[in-house]
Amino acid sequence: LYAYRLAPADIPRLQHFRDTLQAKKADGG
């Protein structure tokens, strides 16, 4: 068995991706 997590340094980049997706969902397109 091998287990993995997102590197703490990558969490802001993941949040930016989420924010971009949320903005695209909210822009009316």
All heavy atoms as atom14 arrays in JSON, in Angstrom:
{
  "sequence": "LYAYRLAPADIPRLQHFRDTLQAKKADGG",
  "atom14_mask": [
    [1, 1, 1, 1, 1, 1, 1, 1, 0, 0, 0, 0, 0, 0],
    [1, 1, 1, 1, 1, 1, 1, 1, 1, 1, 1, 1, 0, 0],
    [1, 1, 1, 1, 1, 0, 0, 0, 0, 0, 0, 0, 0, 0],
    [1, 1, 1, 1, 1, 1, 1, 1, 1, 1, 1, 1, 0, 0],
    [1, 1, 1, 1, 1, 1, 1, 1, 1, 1, 1, 0, 0, 0],
    [1, 1, 1, 1, 1, 1, 1, 1, 0, 0, 0, 0, 0, 0],
    [1, 1, 1, 1, 1, 0, 0, 0, 0, 0, 0, 0, 0, 0],
    [1, 1, 1, 1, 1, 1, 1, 0, 0, 0, 0, 0, 0, 0],
    [1, 1, 1, 1, 1, 0, 0, 0, 0, 0, 0, 0, 0, 0],
    [1, 1, 1, 1, 1, 1, 1, 1, 0, 0, 0, 0, 0, 0],
    [1, 1, 1, 1, 1, 1, 1, 1, 0, 0, 0, 0, 0, 0],
    [1, 1, 1, 1, 1, 1, 1, 0, 0, 0, 0, 0, 0, 0],
    [1, 1, 1, 1, 1, 1, 1, 1, 1, 1, 1, 0, 0, 0],
    [1, 1, 1, 1, 1, 1, 1, 1, 0, 0, 0, 0, 0, 0],
    [1, 1, 1, 1, 1, 1, 1, 1, 1, 0, 0, 0, 0, 0],
    [1, 1, 1, 1, 1, 1, 1, 1, 1, 1, 0, 0, 0, 0],
    [1, 1, 1, 1, 1, 1, 1, 1, 1, 1, 1, 0, 0, 0],
    [1, 1, 1, 1, 1, 1, 1, 1, 1, 1, 1, 0, 0, 0],
    [1, 1, 1, 1, 1, 1, 1, 1, 0, 0, 0, 0, 0, 0],
    [1, 1, 1, 1, 1, 1, 1, 0, 0, 0, 0, 0, 0, 0],
    [1, 1, 1, 1, 1, 1, 1, 1, 0, 0, 0, 0, 0, 0],
    [1, 1, 1, 1, 1, 1, 1, 1, 1, 0, 0, 0, 0, 0],
    [1, 1, 1, 1, 1, 0, 0, 0, 0, 0, 0, 0, 0, 0],
    [1, 1, 1, 1, 1, 1, 1, 1, 1, 0, 0, 0, 0, 0],
    [1, 1, 1, 1, 1, 1, 1, 1, 1, 0, 0, 0, 0, 0],
    [1, 1, 1, 1, 1, 0, 0, 0, 0, 0, 0, 0, 0, 0],
    [1, 1, 1, 1, 1, 1, 1, 1, 0, 0, 0, 0, 0, 0],
    [1, 1, 1, 1, 0, 0, 0, 0, 0, 0, 0, 0, 0, 0],
    [1, 1, 1, 1, 0, 0, 0, 0, 0, 0, 0, 0, 0, 0]
  ],
  "atom14_positions": [
    [[0.84, -1.2, 0.0], [0.0, 0.0, 0.0], [0.87, 1.24, 0.0], [1.9, 1.29, 0.68], [-0.89, 0.03, 1.25], [-2.13, -0.85, 1.22], [-2.66, -1.04, 2.63], [-3.19, -0.22, 0.34], [0.0, 0.0, 0.0], [0.0, 0.0, 0.0], [0.0, 0.0, 0.0], [0.0, 0.0, 0.0], [0.0, 0.0, 0.0], [0.0, 0.0, 0.0]],
    [[0.44, 2.25, -0.74], [1.11, 3.55, -0.8], [0.04, 4.62, -0.59], [-1.04, 4.54, -1.17], [1.77, 3.76, -2.16], [2.8, 2.72, -2.51], [2.44, 1.56, -3.19], [4.14, 2.89, -2.15], [3.39, 0.6, -3.52], [5.1, 1.94, -2.48], [4.71, 0.79, -3.15], [5.66, -0.14, -3.47], [0.0, 0.0, 0.0], [0.0, 0.0, 0.0]],
    [[0.35, 5.62, 0.22], [-0.59, 6.72, 0.48], [0.06, 8.05, 0.12], [1.28, 8.23, 0.27], [-1.02, 6.72, 1.94], [0.0, 0.0, 0.0], [0.0, 0.0, 0.0], [0.0, 0.0, 0.0], [0.0, 0.0, 0.0], [0.0, 0.0, 0.0], [0.0, 0.0, 0.0], [0.0, 0.0, 0.0], [0.0, 0.0, 0.0], [0.0, 0.0, 0.0]],
    [[-0.77, 8.98, -0.36], [-0.28, 10.28, -0.84], [-1.22, 11.4, -0.43], [-2.42, 11.19, -0.25], [-0.17, 10.26, -2.37], [0.8, 9.23, -2.86], [0.39, 7.92, -3.12], [2.14, 9.55, -3.03], [1.3, 6.96, -3.53], [3.05, 8.59, -3.45], [2.63, 7.31, -3.69], [3.53, 6.36, -4.09], [0.0, 0.0, 0.0], [0.0, 0.0, 0.0]],
    [[-0.65, 12.6, -0.34], [-1.43, 13.79, -0.06], [-0.95, 14.93, -0.96], [0.15, 14.89, -1.53], [-1.28, 14.22, 1.4], [0.11, 14.76, 1.69], [0.22, 15.29, 3.09], [1.55, 15.87, 3.27], [1.93, 16.46, 4.34], [1.1, 16.58, 5.37], [3.14, 16.98, 4.43], [0.0, 0.0, 0.0], [0.0, 0.0, 0.0], [0.0, 0.0, 0.0]],
    [[-1.78, 15.96, -1.04], [-1.39, 17.17, -1.75], [-0.34, 17.89, -0.91], [-0.5, 18.03, 0.31], [-2.63, 18.06, -1.93], [-2.49, 19.31, -2.77], [-2.19, 18.94, -4.22], [-3.76, 20.13, -2.7], [0.0, 0.0, 0.0], [0.0, 0.0, 0.0], [0.0, 0.0, 0.0], [0.0, 0.0, 0.0], [0.0, 0.0, 0.0], [0.0, 0.0, 0.0]],
    [[0.73, 18.32, -1.53], [1.77, 19.06, -0.81], [1.19, 20.36, -0.26], [0.45, 21.05, -0.98], [2.95, 19.35, -1.73], [0.0, 0.0, 0.0], [0.0, 0.0, 0.0], [0.0, 0.0, 0.0], [0.0, 0.0, 0.0], [0.0, 0.0, 0.0], [0.0, 0.0, 0.0], [0.0, 0.0, 0.0], [0.0, 0.0, 0.0], [0.0, 0.0, 0.0]],
    [[1.47, 20.71, 0.98], [0.94, 21.96, 1.54], [1.25, 23.18, 0.67], [0.43, 24.09, 0.56], [1.61, 22.06, 2.9], [1.87, 20.63, 3.29], [2.22, 19.94, 1.99], [0.0, 0.0, 0.0], [0.0, 0.0, 0.0], [0.0, 0.0, 0.0], [0.0, 0.0, 0.0], [0.0, 0.0, 0.0], [0.0, 0.0, 0.0], [0.0, 0.0, 0.0]],
    [[2.4, 23.2, 0.02], [2.76, 24.33, -0.85], [1.85, 24.45, -2.07], [1.77, 25.52, -2.68], [4.22, 24.2, -1.29], [0.0, 0.0, 0.0], [0.0, 0.0, 0.0], [0.0, 0.0, 0.0], [0.0, 0.0, 0.0], [0.0, 0.0, 0.0], [0.0, 0.0, 0.0], [0.0, 0.0, 0.0], [0.0, 0.0, 0.0], [0.0, 0.0, 0.0]],
    [[1.16, 23.35, -2.45], [0.28, 23.36, -3.61], [-1.16, 23.75, -3.29], [-1.98, 23.95, -4.19], [0.27, 21.99, -4.3], [1.48, 21.79, -5.19], [2.07, 22.8, -5.63], [1.82, 20.63, -5.46], [0.0, 0.0, 0.0], [0.0, 0.0, 0.0], [0.0, 0.0, 0.0], [0.0, 0.0, 0.0], [0.0, 0.0, 0.0], [0.0, 0.0, 0.0]],
    [[-1.49, 23.86, -2.02], [-2.87, 24.19, -1.64], [-3.31, 25.54, -2.21], [-4.42, 25.63, -2.74], [-3.06, 24.08, -0.11], [-2.97, 22.6, 0.28], [-4.4, 24.68, 0.32], [-3.02, 22.33, 1.77], [0.0, 0.0, 0.0], [0.0, 0.0, 0.0], [0.0, 0.0, 0.0], [0.0, 0.0, 0.0], [0.0, 0.0, 0.0], [0.0, 0.0, 0.0]],
    [[-2.49, 26.61, -2.19], [-2.93, 27.87, -2.82], [-3.2, 27.72, -4.32], [-4.14, 28.32, -4.85], [-1.76, 28.83, -2.57], [-1.08, 28.29, -1.36], [-1.22, 26.79, -1.47], [0.0, 0.0, 0.0], [0.0, 0.0, 0.0], [0.0, 0.0, 0.0], [0.0, 0.0, 0.0], [0.0, 0.0, 0.0], [0.0, 0.0, 0.0], [0.0, 0.0, 0.0]],
    [[-2.42, 26.91, -5.01], [-2.65, 26.7, -6.44], [-3.96, 25.94, -6.67], [-4.71, 26.25, -7.59], [-1.46, 25.93, -7.04], [-1.44, 25.97, -8.55], [-0.07, 25.62, -9.13], [0.5, 24.39, -8.67], [0.48, 23.25, -9.36], [-0.08, 23.2, -10.54], [1.05, 22.18, -8.87], [0.0, 0.0, 0.0], [0.0, 0.0, 0.0], [0.0, 0.0, 0.0]],
    [[-4.26, 24.98, -5.81], [-5.54, 24.27, -5.89], [-6.68, 25.25, -5.63], [-7.7, 25.24, -6.34], [-5.59, 23.12, -4.89], [-6.94, 22.4, -4.81], [-7.25, 21.66, -6.1], [-6.97, 21.46, -3.62], [0.0, 0.0, 0.0], [0.0, 0.0, 0.0], [0.0, 0.0, 0.0], [0.0, 0.0, 0.0], [0.0, 0.0, 0.0], [0.0, 0.0, 0.0]],
    [[-6.52, 26.12, -4.65], [-7.56, 27.1, -4.34], [-7.76, 28.05, -5.51], [-8.9, 28.42, -5.83], [-7.25, 27.87, -3.06], [-8.4, 28.72, -2.59], [-9.69, 27.93, -2.4], [-9.7, 26.89, -1.75], [-10.79, 28.4, -2.98], [0.0, 0.0, 0.0], [0.0, 0.0, 0.0], [0.0, 0.0, 0.0], [0.0, 0.0, 0.0], [0.0, 0.0, 0.0]],
    [[-6.69, 28.47, -6.17], [-6.81, 29.33, -7.36], [-7.61, 28.61, -8.46], [-8.47, 29.23, -9.11], [-5.43, 29.73, -7.87], [-5.49, 30.54, -9.13], [-5.91, 31.85, -9.14], [-5.23, 30.22, -10.42], [-5.9, 32.3, -10.39], [-5.48, 31.33, -11.19], [0.0, 0.0, 0.0], [0.0, 0.0, 0.0], [0.0, 0.0, 0.0], [0.0, 0.0, 0.0]],
    [[-7.35, 27.33, -8.66], [-8.11, 26.55, -9.64], [-9.59, 26.55, -9.27], [-10.46, 26.77, -10.11], [-7.57, 25.11, -9.71], [-8.31, 24.24, -10.68], [-7.93, 24.2, -12.02], [-9.38, 23.46, -10.27], [-8.61, 23.4, -12.92], [-10.07, 22.66, -11.17], [-9.68, 22.63, -12.5], [0.0, 0.0, 0.0], [0.0, 0.0, 0.0], [0.0, 0.0, 0.0]],
    [[-9.89, 26.31, -8.0], [-11.28, 26.31, -7.54], [-11.94, 27.68, -7.75], [-13.08, 27.77, -8.19], [-11.35, 25.95, -6.06], [-11.09, 24.52, -5.75], [-11.12, 24.35, -4.25], [-11.17, 22.96, -3.88], [-11.21, 22.53, -2.63], [-11.19, 23.4, -1.63], [-11.25, 21.25, -2.36], [0.0, 0.0, 0.0], [0.0, 0.0, 0.0], [0.0, 0.0, 0.0]],
    [[-11.21, 28.74, -7.41], [-11.75, 30.1, -7.58], [-12.06, 30.38, -9.04], [-13.09, 30.98, -9.37], [-10.77, 31.14, -7.04], [-10.61, 31.07, -5.52], [-11.44, 30.43, -4.85], [-9.62, 31.65, -5.03], [0.0, 0.0, 0.0], [0.0, 0.0, 0.0], [0.0, 0.0, 0.0], [0.0, 0.0, 0.0], [0.0, 0.0, 0.0], [0.0, 0.0, 0.0]],
    [[-11.17, 29.94, -9.94], [-11.37, 30.13, -11.37], [-12.61, 29.38, -11.84], [-13.44, 29.91, -12.59], [-10.13, 29.67, -12.17], [-9.0, 30.41, -11.72], [-10.32, 29.87, -13.66], [0.0, 0.0, 0.0], [0.0, 0.0, 0.0], [0.0, 0.0, 0.0], [0.0, 0.0, 0.0], [0.0, 0.0, 0.0], [0.0, 0.0, 0.0], [0.0, 0.0, 0.0]],
    [[-12.77, 28.15, -11.36], [-13.95, 27.36, -11.73], [-15.22, 28.01, -11.2], [-16.21, 28.12, -11.93], [-13.81, 25.93, -11.2], [-14.95, 24.98, -11.52], [-15.16, 24.84, -13.03], [-14.71, 23.61, -10.9], [0.0, 0.0, 0.0], [0.0, 0.0, 0.0], [0.0, 0.0, 0.0], [0.0, 0.0, 0.0], [0.0, 0.0, 0.0], [0.0, 0.0, 0.0]],
    [[-15.19, 28.46, -9.95], [-16.37, 29.12, -9.38], [-16.74, 30.38, -10.16], [-17.9, 30.66, -10.41], [-16.13, 29.47, -7.91], [-16.1, 28.27, -6.99], [-17.41, 27.51, -6.95], [-17.67, 26.66, -7.8], [-18.23, 27.79, -5.96], [0.0, 0.0, 0.0], [0.0, 0.0, 0.0], [0.0, 0.0, 0.0], [0.0, 0.0, 0.0], [0.0, 0.0, 0.0]],
    [[-15.73, 31.17, -10.56], [-15.98, 32.38, -11.33], [-16.61, 32.04, -12.69], [-17.52, 32.74, -13.14], [-14.68, 33.16, -11.53], [0.0, 0.0, 0.0], [0.0, 0.0, 0.0], [0.0, 0.0, 0.0], [0.0, 0.0, 0.0], [0.0, 0.0, 0.0], [0.0, 0.0, 0.0], [0.0, 0.0, 0.0], [0.0, 0.0, 0.0], [0.0, 0.0, 0.0]],
    [[-16.15, 30.99, -13.32], [-16.72, 30.58, -14.61], [-18.16, 30.1, -14.44], [-19.0, 30.31, -15.3], [-15.85, 29.5, -15.27], [-14.56, 30.06, -15.83], [-13.79, 28.99, -16.58], [-12.53, 29.53, -17.2], [-12.77, 30.47, -18.28], [0.0, 0.0, 0.0], [0.0, 0.0, 0.0], [0.0, 0.0, 0.0], [0.0, 0.0, 0.0], [0.0, 0.0, 0.0]],
    [[-18.45, 29.45, -13.32], [-19.82, 29.0, -13.06], [-20.74, 30.18, -12.83], [-21.91, 30.15, -13.18], [-19.85, 28.09, -11.83], [-19.31, 26.71, -12.08], [-19.41, 25.86, -10.81], [-18.93, 24.44, -11.05], [-19.03, 23.63, -9.83], [0.0, 0.0, 0.0], [0.0, 0.0, 0.0], [0.0, 0.0, 0.0], [0.0, 0.0, 0.0], [0.0, 0.0, 0.0]],
    [[-20.21, 31.26, -12.23], [-21.04, 32.41, -11.85], [-21.14, 33.48, -12.93], [-21.94, 34.41, -12.79], [-20.47, 33.03, -10.58], [0.0, 0.0, 0.0], [0.0, 0.0, 0.0], [0.0, 0.0, 0.0], [0.0, 0.0, 0.0], [0.0, 0.0, 0.0], [0.0, 0.0, 0.0], [0.0, 0.0, 0.0], [0.0, 0.0, 0.0], [0.0, 0.0, 0.0]],
    [[-20.38, 33.4, -14.01], [-20.34, 34.49, -14.99], [-21.51, 34.5, -15.98], [-21.55, 35.34, -16.87], [-19.0, 34.53, -15.72], [-18.82, 33.38, -16.72], [-19.75, 32.58, -16.93], [-17.72, 33.3, -17.29], [0.0, 0.0, 0.0], [0.0, 0.0, 0.0], [0.0, 0.0, 0.0], [0.0, 0.0, 0.0], [0.0, 0.0, 0.0], [0.0, 0.0, 0.0]],
    [[-22.44, 33.58, -15.82], [-23.62, 33.58, -16.69], [-23.46, 32.79, -17.98], [-24.41, 32.58, -18.7], [0.0, 0.0, 0.0], [0.0, 0.0, 0.0], [0.0, 0.0, 0.0], [0.0, 0.0, 0.0], [0.0, 0.0, 0.0], [0.0, 0.0, 0.0], [0.0, 0.0, 0.0], [0.0, 0.0, 0.0], [0.0, 0.0, 0.0], [0.0, 0.0, 0.0]],
    [[-22.25, 32.35, -18.27], [-22.02, 31.54, -19.46], [-22.37, 30.09, -19.2], [-22.9, 29.73, -18.14], [0.0, 0.0, 0.0], [0.0, 0.0, 0.0], [0.0, 0.0, 0.0], [0.0, 0.0, 0.0], [0.0, 0.0, 0.0], [0.0, 0.0, 0.0], [0.0, 0.0, 0.0], [0.0, 0.0, 0.0], [0.0, 0.0, 0.0], [0.0, 0.0, 0.0]]
  ]
}
